Amino acid sequence: GGHAAPAQPGPASGAGSEEMGTTVNGDMFQEANGPADGYAAIAQADRLTQEPESIRKWREEQRKRLQELDAASKVTEQEWREKAKKDLEEWNQRQSEQVEKNKINNRASEEAFVKESKEETPGTEWEKVAQLCDFNPKSSKQCKDVSRLRSVLMSLKQTPLSR
């Protein structure tokens, strides 16, 4: 057989695919009988180079898309972090203010309690307890629900336990 014409690169141009085409064709021609097989080999090589090309394009698009998504999620994550930090700071501030208020209130009521407990009259223990308990149901929402305890104390006040 005569020498084949130089292999034409497929639709995918660029050094890589050309070299691949030539080597495939070169290998094929040593075994091929006549030009028909050679053309088949070239077509096959073209198909080989074409397929990865589309896959490569798809991969690049995917990568771009993923990078964009990644960037977007990083941005939103950053925003969330900022917001969370702000919320936490505000909460801490409110919390410490509340603690301060409680401390002041507790000190005041403790002093009052100590003063009163010095002049202890028998039988008024439950009066004291009742005073210390806040029997006002609309009191601060932040407190735990103590309605059960309150009702128990009320009933005890009305009918003290017999000693």
Protein backbone atom coordinates (compact mmCIF):
# COMPACT_ATOMS: atom_id res chain seq x y z
CA GLY A 1 0.00 0.00 0.00
CA GLY A 2 1.03 3.57 -0.73
CA HIS A 3 1.81 6.11 1.97
CA ALA A 4 -1.33 7.70 3.52
CA ALA A 5 -2.04 11.41 3.39
CA PRO A 6 -1.39 13.26 6.69
CA ALA A 7 -4.20 12.73 9.14
CA GLN A 8 -6.73 15.53 9.23
CA PRO A 9 -7.47 16.73 12.75
CA GLY A 10 -11.07 16.29 13.79
CA PRO A 11 -13.38 19.14 14.80
CA ALA A 12 -11.39 19.32 18.04
CA SER A 13 -8.32 21.27 16.96
CA GLY A 14 -5.33 21.86 19.17
CA ALA A 15 -2.01 20.06 19.52
CA GLY A 16 -3.27 17.33 21.84
CA SER A 17 -6.00 15.95 19.59
CA GLU A 18 -3.84 16.14 16.45
CA GLU A 19 -1.10 14.04 17.97
CA MET A 20 -3.62 11.55 19.20
CA GLY A 21 -5.16 11.33 15.70
CA THR A 22 -1.81 10.66 14.07
CA THR A 23 -0.73 7.94 16.47
CA VAL A 24 -4.08 6.17 16.19
CA ASN A 25 -3.96 6.37 12.40
CA GLY A 26 -0.31 5.34 12.28
CA ASP A 27 -0.98 2.25 14.36
CA MET A 28 -4.09 1.38 12.37
CA PHE A 29 -2.39 1.71 8.96
CA GLN A 30 0.25 -0.87 9.75
CA GLU A 31 -2.47 -3.49 10.15
CA ALA A 32 -4.96 -2.10 7.63
CA ASN A 33 -5.46 -3.59 4.17
CA GLY A 34 -6.36 -0.86 1.67
CA PRO A 35 -7.68 2.68 2.19
CA ALA A 36 -11.22 1.70 3.30
CA ASP A 37 -10.05 0.54 6.72
CA GLY A 38 -7.83 3.60 6.99
CA TYR A 39 -10.81 5.92 6.53
CA ALA A 40 -12.76 3.94 9.08
CA ALA A 41 -9.84 4.37 11.45
CA ILE A 42 -9.79 8.14 10.83
CA ALA A 43 -13.55 8.36 11.41
CA GLN A 44 -13.10 6.35 14.59
CA ALA A 45 -10.29 8.65 15.75
CA ASP A 46 -12.49 11.65 15.03
CA ARG A 47 -15.25 10.16 17.09
CA LEU A 48 -12.76 9.49 19.88
CA THR A 49 -11.56 13.08 19.94
CA GLN A 50 -15.08 14.46 19.57
CA GLU A 51 -16.61 12.62 22.50
CA PRO A 52 -14.19 13.81 25.19
CA GLU A 53 -14.48 17.33 23.77
CA SER A 54 -18.18 17.52 24.63
CA ILE A 55 -17.53 15.92 27.99
CA ARG A 56 -14.72 18.39 28.62
CA LYS A 57 -17.04 21.32 27.77
CA TRP A 58 -19.68 19.93 30.11
CA ARG A 59 -17.10 19.49 32.87
CA GLU A 60 -15.93 23.08 32.49
CA GLU A 61 -19.50 24.36 32.64
CA GLN A 62 -20.15 22.22 35.68
CA ARG A 63 -17.02 23.53 37.36
CA LYS A 64 -18.01 27.11 36.61
CA ARG A 65 -21.52 26.52 37.90
CA LEU A 66 -20.21 24.87 41.05
CA GLN A 67 -17.74 27.68 41.64
CA GLU A 68 -20.53 30.23 41.32
CA LEU A 69 -22.72 28.24 43.71
CA ASP A 70 -19.78 27.91 46.07
CA ALA A 71 -19.11 31.62 46.00
CA ALA A 72 -22.78 32.40 46.54
CA SER A 73 -23.05 30.01 49.47
CA LYS A 74 -19.89 31.47 50.99
CA VAL A 75 -21.41 34.93 50.75
CA THR A 76 -24.69 33.89 52.37
CA GLU A 77 -22.79 31.93 55.02
CA GLN A 78 -20.77 35.06 55.78
CA GLU A 79 -23.98 37.11 56.04
CA TRP A 80 -25.52 34.54 58.36
CA ARG A 81 -22.41 34.55 60.52
CA GLU A 82 -22.51 38.34 60.78
CA LYS A 83 -26.21 38.28 61.65
CA ALA A 84 -25.71 35.51 64.20
CA LYS A 85 -22.86 37.43 65.81
CA LYS A 86 -25.01 40.56 66.05
CA ASP A 87 -27.97 38.62 67.48
CA LEU A 88 -25.73 36.91 70.01
CA GLU A 89 -24.21 40.21 71.12
CA GLU A 90 -27.66 41.76 71.54
CA TRP A 91 -28.86 38.72 73.45
CA ASN A 92 -25.83 38.82 75.74
CA GLN A 93 -26.41 42.49 76.38
CA ARG A 94 -30.10 41.94 77.22
CA GLN A 95 -29.15 38.96 79.36
CA SER A 96 -26.54 40.86 81.39
CA GLU A 97 -28.94 43.78 81.85
CA GLN A 98 -31.56 41.32 83.12
CA VAL A 99 -29.02 39.74 85.48
CA GLU A 100 -28.06 43.16 86.82
CA LYS A 101 -31.73 44.03 87.42
CA ASN A 102 -32.26 40.70 89.14
CA LYS A 103 -29.20 41.25 91.34
CA ILE A 104 -30.47 44.65 92.42
CA ASN A 105 -33.99 43.35 93.06
CA ASN A 106 -32.67 40.34 94.93
CA ARG A 107 -30.41 42.49 97.12
CA ALA A 108 -33.29 44.82 97.97
CA SER A 109 -35.69 42.01 98.79
CA GLU A 110 -33.00 40.13 100.72
CA GLU A 111 -32.34 43.16 102.94
CA ALA A 112 -36.08 43.57 103.52
CA PHE A 113 -36.38 39.86 104.32
CA VAL A 114 -33.46 39.94 106.75
CA LYS A 115 -34.89 43.01 108.48
CA GLU A 116 -38.30 41.33 108.82
CA SER A 117 -36.96 37.95 109.86
CA LYS A 118 -35.31 39.56 112.89
CA GLU A 119 -38.75 40.50 114.21
CA GLU A 120 -40.11 37.01 113.60
CA THR A 121 -43.56 36.41 115.02
CA PRO A 122 -44.59 32.76 115.19
CA GLY A 123 -47.27 31.78 112.67
CA THR A 124 -46.31 34.38 110.07
CA GLU A 125 -43.79 32.18 108.22
CA TRP A 126 -46.18 31.56 105.35
CA GLU A 127 -46.96 35.27 105.12
CA LYS A 128 -43.26 35.86 104.54
CA VAL A 129 -43.03 33.12 101.93
CA ALA A 130 -46.10 34.49 100.20
CA GLN A 131 -44.56 37.96 100.17
CA LEU A 132 -41.34 36.67 98.66
CA CYS A 133 -43.22 34.84 95.93
CA ASP A 134 -44.43 37.01 93.14
CA PHE A 135 -48.10 36.05 92.98
CA ASN A 136 -48.65 38.39 90.08
CA PRO A 137 -49.36 36.15 87.05
CA LYS A 138 -48.57 38.82 84.47
CA SER A 139 -45.02 39.21 85.78
CA SER A 140 -42.08 38.99 83.43
CA LYS A 141 -42.39 36.57 80.54
CA GLN A 142 -38.74 35.56 80.88
CA CYS A 143 -39.36 33.76 84.16
CA LYS A 144 -40.16 30.07 84.29
CA ASP A 145 -43.74 29.01 84.76
CA VAL A 146 -44.22 28.66 88.52
CA SER A 147 -48.02 28.58 88.60
CA ARG A 148 -48.05 25.07 90.08
CA LEU A 149 -45.74 26.07 92.91
CA ARG A 150 -47.76 29.21 93.44
CA SER A 151 -51.01 27.28 93.83
CA VAL A 152 -49.38 24.84 96.25
CA LEU A 153 -48.09 27.73 98.36
CA MET A 154 -51.50 29.43 98.30
CA SER A 155 -53.24 26.31 99.55
CA LEU A 156 -50.58 25.86 102.23
CA LYS A 157 -51.10 29.45 103.34
CA GLN A 158 -54.84 28.85 103.72
CA THR A 159 -54.48 25.51 105.50
CA PRO A 160 -51.00 25.20 107.03
CA LEU A 161 -49.63 21.72 107.57
CA SER A 162 -50.45 20.50 111.10
CA ARG A 163 -47.26 20.04 113.06
